Amino acid sequence: MMKKMLLGAAALATFGLAVDNGSAAGSVSKTAGNCMNAHAILMASMDGNHDRYWQAIESAVKSQPGRFFPVSDYEPGVAQKVSFRQYDTRFQEGGTAYVGHCGSGATCNDLADYILKAYPEVGSPSVHCGEIPHILENPTSAPF
């Protein structure tokens, strides 16, 4: 049911957003596994229905007990702990990105891989090391 709700979600390009045409799954753009300040852009939307995207992400994370641990703030260098934030997207009026922040590039890479496996219609999640990508602004915490 959740997968059907996500059909039509916007797919992610490395630093931009493109509309998903329902094609086959994309791939994850990964960062170095030893990155201590990683950001996984998991999904993006243009429809403003934030609850359904967060429900999908929360469902995927909770289906993997012991693999990912949601926290309010990640710690650099600490694996498996992920903080989640929602961002407005610059240059894409009405766009929203759903992001996991990790203290381990390997954790964010794994999370992005798992989200893509669970919801192949989301397109191509991307993981970045260092500063939060410039396309993201106005962060708010996830509801879980």
N, C-alpha and C. Protein backbone atom coordinates (compact mmCIF):
# COMPACT_ATOMS: atom_id res chain seq x y z
N MET A 1 0.82 -1.19 0.00
CA MET A 1 0.00 0.00 0.00
C MET A 1 0.87 1.26 0.00
N MET A 2 1.91 1.26 0.85
CA MET A 2 2.77 2.44 0.93
C MET A 2 3.48 2.69 -0.39
N LYS A 3 3.90 1.61 -1.06
CA LYS A 3 4.58 1.79 -2.35
C LYS A 3 3.66 2.47 -3.35
N LYS A 4 2.39 2.09 -3.35
CA LYS A 4 1.44 2.71 -4.27
C LYS A 4 1.28 4.19 -3.96
N MET A 5 1.33 4.54 -2.67
CA MET A 5 1.19 5.94 -2.29
C MET A 5 2.36 6.76 -2.79
N LEU A 6 3.52 6.14 -2.95
CA LEU A 6 4.69 6.89 -3.36
C LEU A 6 4.85 7.00 -4.86
N LEU A 7 4.03 6.28 -5.63
CA LEU A 7 4.14 6.41 -7.08
C LEU A 7 3.93 7.86 -7.46
N GLY A 8 4.73 8.31 -8.35
CA GLY A 8 4.65 9.71 -8.76
C GLY A 8 5.52 10.63 -7.92
N ALA A 9 6.23 10.07 -6.93
CA ALA A 9 7.14 10.89 -6.13
C ALA A 9 8.24 11.44 -7.03
N ALA A 10 8.76 12.55 -6.65
CA ALA A 10 9.85 13.12 -7.45
C ALA A 10 11.12 12.33 -7.21
N ALA A 11 11.87 12.12 -8.25
CA ALA A 11 13.15 11.43 -8.15
C ALA A 11 14.24 12.44 -7.88
N LEU A 12 15.35 11.97 -7.37
CA LEU A 12 16.44 12.88 -7.03
C LEU A 12 17.58 12.75 -8.01
N ALA A 13 18.07 13.88 -8.45
CA ALA A 13 19.34 13.91 -9.16
C ALA A 13 20.37 14.34 -8.12
N THR A 14 21.61 14.37 -8.46
CA THR A 14 22.64 14.65 -7.46
C THR A 14 22.40 15.96 -6.72
N PHE A 15 22.16 17.06 -7.40
CA PHE A 15 21.87 18.32 -6.73
C PHE A 15 20.62 18.98 -7.26
N GLY A 16 19.77 18.25 -7.93
CA GLY A 16 18.55 18.84 -8.46
C GLY A 16 17.42 17.85 -8.36
N LEU A 17 16.26 18.29 -8.74
CA LEU A 17 15.09 17.43 -8.68
C LEU A 17 14.53 17.25 -10.08
N ALA A 18 14.11 16.06 -10.37
CA ALA A 18 13.48 15.77 -11.65
C ALA A 18 12.24 14.94 -11.39
N VAL A 19 11.24 15.08 -12.20
CA VAL A 19 10.01 14.32 -12.02
C VAL A 19 10.23 12.87 -12.42
N ASP A 20 9.77 11.96 -11.57
CA ASP A 20 9.88 10.53 -11.83
C ASP A 20 8.78 10.13 -12.78
N ASN A 21 9.12 9.42 -13.84
CA ASN A 21 8.12 8.99 -14.81
C ASN A 21 7.69 7.55 -14.58
N GLY A 22 7.97 7.00 -13.39
CA GLY A 22 7.56 5.64 -13.08
C GLY A 22 8.49 4.59 -13.64
N SER A 23 9.66 4.99 -14.09
CA SER A 23 10.60 4.04 -14.67
C SER A 23 11.22 3.17 -13.59
N ALA A 24 12.10 2.26 -14.01
CA ALA A 24 12.75 1.34 -13.09
C ALA A 24 13.56 2.09 -12.05
N ALA A 25 13.94 1.36 -11.03
CA ALA A 25 14.69 1.94 -9.92
C ALA A 25 15.97 2.60 -10.39
N GLY A 26 16.34 3.63 -9.68
CA GLY A 26 17.59 4.32 -9.95
C GLY A 26 18.71 3.66 -9.17
N SER A 27 19.70 4.44 -8.85
CA SER A 27 20.81 3.94 -8.05
C SER A 27 21.16 5.00 -7.02
N VAL A 28 21.93 4.60 -6.03
CA VAL A 28 22.32 5.51 -4.97
C VAL A 28 23.68 6.13 -5.31
N SER A 29 23.76 7.45 -5.23
CA SER A 29 25.05 8.14 -5.31
C SER A 29 25.61 8.14 -3.90
N LYS A 30 26.71 7.43 -3.68
CA LYS A 30 27.23 7.22 -2.33
C LYS A 30 28.39 8.16 -2.02
N THR A 31 28.68 8.24 -0.73
CA THR A 31 29.84 8.97 -0.25
C THR A 31 30.84 7.97 0.33
N ALA A 32 31.97 8.45 0.78
CA ALA A 32 32.98 7.60 1.41
C ALA A 32 32.42 7.01 2.71
N GLY A 33 32.65 5.75 2.93
CA GLY A 33 32.15 5.08 4.13
C GLY A 33 32.68 5.67 5.42
N ASN A 34 33.87 6.26 5.38
CA ASN A 34 34.46 6.82 6.59
C ASN A 34 34.10 8.29 6.82
N CYS A 35 33.21 8.84 6.02
CA CYS A 35 32.74 10.21 6.23
C CYS A 35 32.08 10.30 7.60
N MET A 36 32.38 11.35 8.35
CA MET A 36 31.82 11.50 9.70
C MET A 36 30.73 12.57 9.77
N ASN A 37 30.30 13.07 8.61
CA ASN A 37 29.27 14.10 8.53
C ASN A 37 28.53 13.90 7.21
N ALA A 38 27.66 12.88 7.17
CA ALA A 38 27.00 12.47 5.93
C ALA A 38 25.52 12.86 5.92
N HIS A 39 25.01 13.11 4.71
CA HIS A 39 23.62 13.53 4.54
C HIS A 39 23.02 12.74 3.38
N ALA A 40 21.99 11.96 3.66
CA ALA A 40 21.34 11.14 2.63
C ALA A 40 20.02 11.78 2.23
N ILE A 41 19.97 12.29 1.00
CA ILE A 41 18.70 12.81 0.47
C ILE A 41 17.94 11.57 -0.01
N LEU A 42 16.92 11.18 0.76
CA LEU A 42 16.24 9.91 0.55
C LEU A 42 15.09 10.00 -0.44
N MET A 43 14.31 11.04 -0.32
CA MET A 43 13.13 11.23 -1.17
C MET A 43 12.91 12.72 -1.37
N ALA A 44 12.14 13.05 -2.38
CA ALA A 44 11.75 14.43 -2.62
C ALA A 44 10.31 14.45 -3.10
N SER A 45 9.63 15.55 -2.86
CA SER A 45 8.25 15.66 -3.31
C SER A 45 7.93 17.08 -3.75
N MET A 46 6.87 17.18 -4.48
CA MET A 46 6.35 18.48 -4.90
C MET A 46 4.89 18.63 -4.46
N ASP A 47 4.33 17.58 -3.83
CA ASP A 47 2.90 17.58 -3.56
C ASP A 47 2.51 18.07 -2.17
N GLY A 48 3.48 18.30 -1.27
CA GLY A 48 3.16 18.81 0.05
C GLY A 48 2.56 17.80 1.01
N ASN A 49 2.43 16.55 0.60
CA ASN A 49 1.86 15.52 1.47
C ASN A 49 2.99 14.86 2.28
N HIS A 50 3.55 15.63 3.20
CA HIS A 50 4.74 15.20 3.93
C HIS A 50 4.52 13.95 4.77
N ASP A 51 3.33 13.80 5.33
CA ASP A 51 3.07 12.65 6.20
C ASP A 51 3.32 11.33 5.49
N ARG A 52 2.91 11.21 4.25
CA ARG A 52 3.07 9.92 3.57
C ARG A 52 4.54 9.59 3.31
N TYR A 53 5.36 10.60 3.05
CA TYR A 53 6.78 10.35 2.85
C TYR A 53 7.45 9.95 4.16
N TRP A 54 7.12 10.68 5.24
CA TRP A 54 7.70 10.33 6.54
C TRP A 54 7.21 8.96 7.00
N GLN A 55 5.97 8.62 6.74
CA GLN A 55 5.47 7.29 7.12
C GLN A 55 6.23 6.20 6.37
N ALA A 56 6.52 6.43 5.10
CA ALA A 56 7.28 5.45 4.32
C ALA A 56 8.69 5.29 4.88
N ILE A 57 9.36 6.39 5.17
CA ILE A 57 10.72 6.34 5.70
C ILE A 57 10.71 5.69 7.08
N GLU A 58 9.78 6.10 7.94
CA GLU A 58 9.70 5.52 9.28
C GLU A 58 9.43 4.02 9.21
N SER A 59 8.53 3.61 8.33
CA SER A 59 8.22 2.19 8.18
C SER A 59 9.45 1.40 7.76
N ALA A 60 10.22 1.93 6.82
CA ALA A 60 11.43 1.25 6.36
C ALA A 60 12.45 1.15 7.48
N VAL A 61 12.66 2.25 8.21
CA VAL A 61 13.64 2.26 9.29
C VAL A 61 13.23 1.29 10.40
N LYS A 62 11.97 1.32 10.79
CA LYS A 62 11.50 0.44 11.87
C LYS A 62 11.45 -1.03 11.46
N SER A 63 11.44 -1.30 10.15
CA SER A 63 11.44 -2.69 9.70
C SER A 63 12.82 -3.33 9.83
N GLN A 64 13.80 -2.52 10.21
CA GLN A 64 15.19 -2.98 10.34
C GLN A 64 15.71 -2.73 11.77
N PRO A 65 15.08 -3.36 12.78
CA PRO A 65 15.54 -3.09 14.15
C PRO A 65 17.00 -3.50 14.31
N GLY A 66 17.75 -2.64 14.97
CA GLY A 66 19.17 -2.89 15.18
C GLY A 66 20.06 -2.43 14.04
N ARG A 67 19.45 -2.02 12.93
CA ARG A 67 20.23 -1.56 11.78
C ARG A 67 20.35 -0.03 11.76
N PHE A 68 19.23 0.65 12.03
CA PHE A 68 19.20 2.11 12.07
C PHE A 68 18.52 2.54 13.36
N PHE A 69 19.08 3.57 14.01
CA PHE A 69 18.51 4.08 15.25
C PHE A 69 18.21 5.57 15.09
N PRO A 70 16.93 5.93 14.97
CA PRO A 70 16.58 7.36 14.86
C PRO A 70 16.94 8.10 16.15
N VAL A 71 17.60 9.23 16.00
CA VAL A 71 17.99 10.07 17.13
C VAL A 71 17.68 11.52 16.77
N SER A 72 17.63 12.39 17.77
CA SER A 72 17.34 13.79 17.46
C SER A 72 18.53 14.46 16.76
N ASP A 73 19.76 14.11 17.15
CA ASP A 73 20.95 14.65 16.51
C ASP A 73 21.99 13.54 16.39
N TYR A 74 22.53 13.36 15.20
CA TYR A 74 23.57 12.34 15.01
C TYR A 74 24.88 12.81 15.63
N GLU A 75 25.77 11.87 15.86
CA GLU A 75 27.09 12.20 16.41
C GLU A 75 28.15 11.85 15.37
N PRO A 76 29.02 12.80 15.01
CA PRO A 76 30.08 12.50 14.05
C PRO A 76 30.91 11.29 14.50
N GLY A 77 31.11 10.36 13.58
CA GLY A 77 31.89 9.17 13.86
C GLY A 77 31.10 8.02 14.45
N VAL A 78 29.82 8.21 14.75
CA VAL A 78 29.01 7.16 15.35
C VAL A 78 28.10 6.54 14.28
N ALA A 79 28.26 5.24 14.10
CA ALA A 79 27.47 4.51 13.09
C ALA A 79 26.08 4.19 13.61
N GLN A 80 25.17 3.94 12.69
CA GLN A 80 23.80 3.45 12.89
C GLN A 80 22.82 4.48 13.44
N LYS A 81 23.28 5.58 13.99
CA LYS A 81 22.38 6.61 14.50
C LYS A 81 22.11 7.61 13.39
N VAL A 82 20.82 7.90 13.17
CA VAL A 82 20.42 8.79 12.08
C VAL A 82 19.41 9.81 12.61
N SER A 83 19.66 11.07 12.30
CA SER A 83 18.65 12.09 12.58
C SER A 83 17.99 12.44 11.25
N PHE A 84 16.71 12.70 11.31
CA PHE A 84 15.94 12.96 10.09
C PHE A 84 15.42 14.38 10.10
N ARG A 85 15.52 15.02 8.92
CA ARG A 85 15.04 16.39 8.75
C ARG A 85 14.34 16.53 7.40
N GLN A 86 13.45 17.48 7.36
CA GLN A 86 12.75 17.85 6.14
C GLN A 86 13.25 19.22 5.73
N TYR A 87 13.49 19.42 4.45
CA TYR A 87 14.02 20.68 3.94
C TYR A 87 13.18 21.18 2.77
N ASP A 88 13.08 22.49 2.67
CA ASP A 88 12.61 23.10 1.43
C ASP A 88 13.77 22.99 0.45
N THR A 89 13.46 22.94 -0.83
CA THR A 89 14.52 22.87 -1.82
C THR A 89 14.63 24.19 -2.56
N ARG A 90 15.85 24.70 -2.61
CA ARG A 90 16.13 25.93 -3.36
C ARG A 90 15.96 25.66 -4.84
N PHE A 91 15.60 26.64 -5.57
CA PHE A 91 15.48 26.57 -7.03
C PHE A 91 14.33 25.68 -7.49
N GLN A 92 13.51 25.18 -6.57
CA GLN A 92 12.38 24.31 -6.92
C GLN A 92 11.22 24.71 -6.01
N GLU A 93 10.50 25.74 -6.38
CA GLU A 93 9.42 26.23 -5.54
C GLU A 93 8.43 25.12 -5.21
N GLY A 94 8.13 24.98 -3.94
CA GLY A 94 7.20 23.94 -3.48
C GLY A 94 7.84 22.58 -3.31
N GLY A 95 9.14 22.48 -3.56
CA GLY A 95 9.83 21.20 -3.42
C GLY A 95 10.26 20.94 -1.99
N THR A 96 10.24 19.67 -1.61
CA THR A 96 10.64 19.25 -0.28
C THR A 96 11.56 18.05 -0.40
N ALA A 97 12.60 18.01 0.42
CA ALA A 97 13.50 16.86 0.47
C ALA A 97 13.45 16.26 1.87
N TYR A 98 13.53 14.94 1.94
CA TYR A 98 13.48 14.18 3.19
C TYR A 98 14.87 13.56 3.36
N VAL A 99 15.56 13.95 4.44
CA VAL A 99 17.00 13.71 4.56
C VAL A 99 17.32 12.99 5.87
N GLY A 100 18.25 12.04 5.78
CA GLY A 100 18.83 11.40 6.96
C GLY A 100 20.24 11.92 7.15
N HIS A 101 20.60 12.29 8.37
CA HIS A 101 21.94 12.78 8.69
C HIS A 101 22.64 11.74 9.56
N CYS A 102 23.87 11.40 9.20
CA CYS A 102 24.59 10.31 9.86
C CYS A 102 26.00 10.73 10.25
N GLY A 103 26.51 10.12 11.30
CA GLY A 103 27.89 10.32 11.70
C GLY A 103 28.82 9.33 11.03
N SER A 104 28.28 8.57 10.10
CA SER A 104 29.05 7.58 9.34
C SER A 104 28.53 7.54 7.92
N GLY A 105 29.43 7.75 6.95
CA GLY A 105 29.02 7.66 5.56
C GLY A 105 28.46 6.28 5.24
N ALA A 106 29.05 5.24 5.84
CA ALA A 106 28.57 3.88 5.60
C ALA A 106 27.12 3.72 6.04
N THR A 107 26.75 4.34 7.16
CA THR A 107 25.36 4.26 7.64
C THR A 107 24.42 4.95 6.67
N CYS A 108 24.76 6.16 6.23
CA CYS A 108 23.90 6.87 5.28
C CYS A 108 23.82 6.14 3.94
N ASN A 109 24.94 5.57 3.48
CA ASN A 109 24.92 4.79 2.25
C ASN A 109 23.98 3.60 2.39
N ASP A 110 24.07 2.90 3.53
CA ASP A 110 23.23 1.74 3.79
C ASP A 110 21.75 2.15 3.85
N LEU A 111 21.47 3.26 4.53
CA LEU A 111 20.10 3.76 4.62
C LEU A 111 19.54 4.09 3.23
N ALA A 112 20.31 4.80 2.43
CA ALA A 112 19.85 5.16 1.09
C ALA A 112 19.62 3.91 0.23
N ASP A 113 20.53 2.94 0.33
CA ASP A 113 20.35 1.66 -0.38
C ASP A 113 19.06 0.98 0.05
N TYR A 114 18.82 0.97 1.36
CA TYR A 114 17.63 0.28 1.86
C TYR A 114 16.34 1.01 1.43
N ILE A 115 16.33 2.32 1.48
CA ILE A 115 15.15 3.08 1.04
C ILE A 115 14.87 2.79 -0.43
N LEU A 116 15.91 2.77 -1.25
CA LEU A 116 15.73 2.49 -2.67
C LEU A 116 15.22 1.07 -2.88
N LYS A 117 15.70 0.13 -2.10
CA LYS A 117 15.22 -1.26 -2.20
C LYS A 117 13.74 -1.35 -1.78
N ALA A 118 13.39 -0.66 -0.71
CA ALA A 118 12.01 -0.70 -0.21
C ALA A 118 11.05 0.05 -1.12
N TYR A 119 11.52 1.15 -1.72
CA TYR A 119 10.67 2.01 -2.55
C TYR A 119 11.41 2.35 -3.84
N PRO A 120 11.53 1.43 -4.77
CA PRO A 120 12.32 1.68 -5.98
C PRO A 120 11.81 2.85 -6.82
N GLU A 121 10.58 3.24 -6.64
CA GLU A 121 10.02 4.33 -7.43
C GLU A 121 10.50 5.71 -6.98
N VAL A 122 11.29 5.80 -5.89
CA VAL A 122 11.75 7.12 -5.44
C VAL A 122 12.84 7.69 -6.33
N GLY A 123 13.42 6.88 -7.18
CA GLY A 123 14.44 7.41 -8.08
C GLY A 123 15.84 7.09 -7.61
N SER A 124 16.64 8.10 -7.39
CA SER A 124 18.06 7.91 -7.07
C SER A 124 18.46 8.72 -5.84
N PRO A 125 18.38 8.12 -4.65
CA PRO A 125 18.84 8.82 -3.46
C PRO A 125 20.32 9.19 -3.60
N SER A 126 20.72 10.26 -2.94
CA SER A 126 22.13 10.67 -2.99
C SER A 126 22.64 10.94 -1.59
N VAL A 127 23.90 10.56 -1.36
CA VAL A 127 24.53 10.74 -0.06
C VAL A 127 25.73 11.67 -0.25
N HIS A 128 25.83 12.67 0.62
CA HIS A 128 26.85 13.69 0.52
C HIS A 128 27.65 13.76 1.81
N CYS A 129 28.93 14.05 1.70
CA CYS A 129 29.81 14.18 2.85
C CYS A 129 30.14 15.65 3.07
N GLY A 130 30.22 16.06 4.32
CA GLY A 130 30.61 17.43 4.64
C GLY A 130 29.41 18.30 4.94
N GLU A 131 29.40 19.48 4.36
CA GLU A 131 28.32 20.43 4.57
C GLU A 131 27.02 19.91 3.95
N ILE A 132 25.91 20.36 4.50
CA ILE A 132 24.61 20.02 3.94
C ILE A 132 24.55 20.61 2.53
N PRO A 133 24.09 19.83 1.54
CA PRO A 133 24.04 20.34 0.16
C PRO A 133 23.31 21.68 0.07
N HIS A 134 23.84 22.55 -0.77
CA HIS A 134 23.32 23.92 -0.89
C HIS A 134 21.88 24.01 -1.37
N ILE A 135 21.37 22.94 -1.94
CA ILE A 135 19.99 22.97 -2.44
C ILE A 135 18.98 22.89 -1.30
N LEU A 136 19.42 22.52 -0.09
CA LEU A 136 18.52 22.33 1.05
C LEU A 136 18.52 23.55 1.96
N GLU A 137 17.31 23.95 2.38
CA GLU A 137 17.18 25.09 3.29
C GLU A 137 15.95 24.91 4.18
N ASN A 138 15.89 25.67 5.25
CA ASN A 138 14.76 25.67 6.19
C ASN A 138 14.47 24.29 6.77
N PRO A 139 15.42 23.71 7.53
CA PRO A 139 15.19 22.37 8.08
C PRO A 139 14.14 22.36 9.18
N THR A 140 13.39 21.27 9.21
CA THR A 140 12.48 20.97 10.32
C THR A 140 12.67 19.50 10.67
N SER A 141 12.46 19.15 11.92
CA SER A 141 12.65 17.78 12.37
C SER A 141 11.56 16.87 11.83
N ALA A 142 11.90 15.61 11.67
CA ALA A 142 10.93 14.60 11.24
C ALA A 142 9.96 14.32 12.38
N PRO A 143 8.78 13.81 12.07
CA PRO A 143 7.78 13.56 13.12
C PRO A 143 8.02 12.28 13.91
N PHE A 144 9.12 11.59 13.67
CA PHE A 144 9.39 10.38 14.47
C PHE A 144 10.78 10.41 15.05
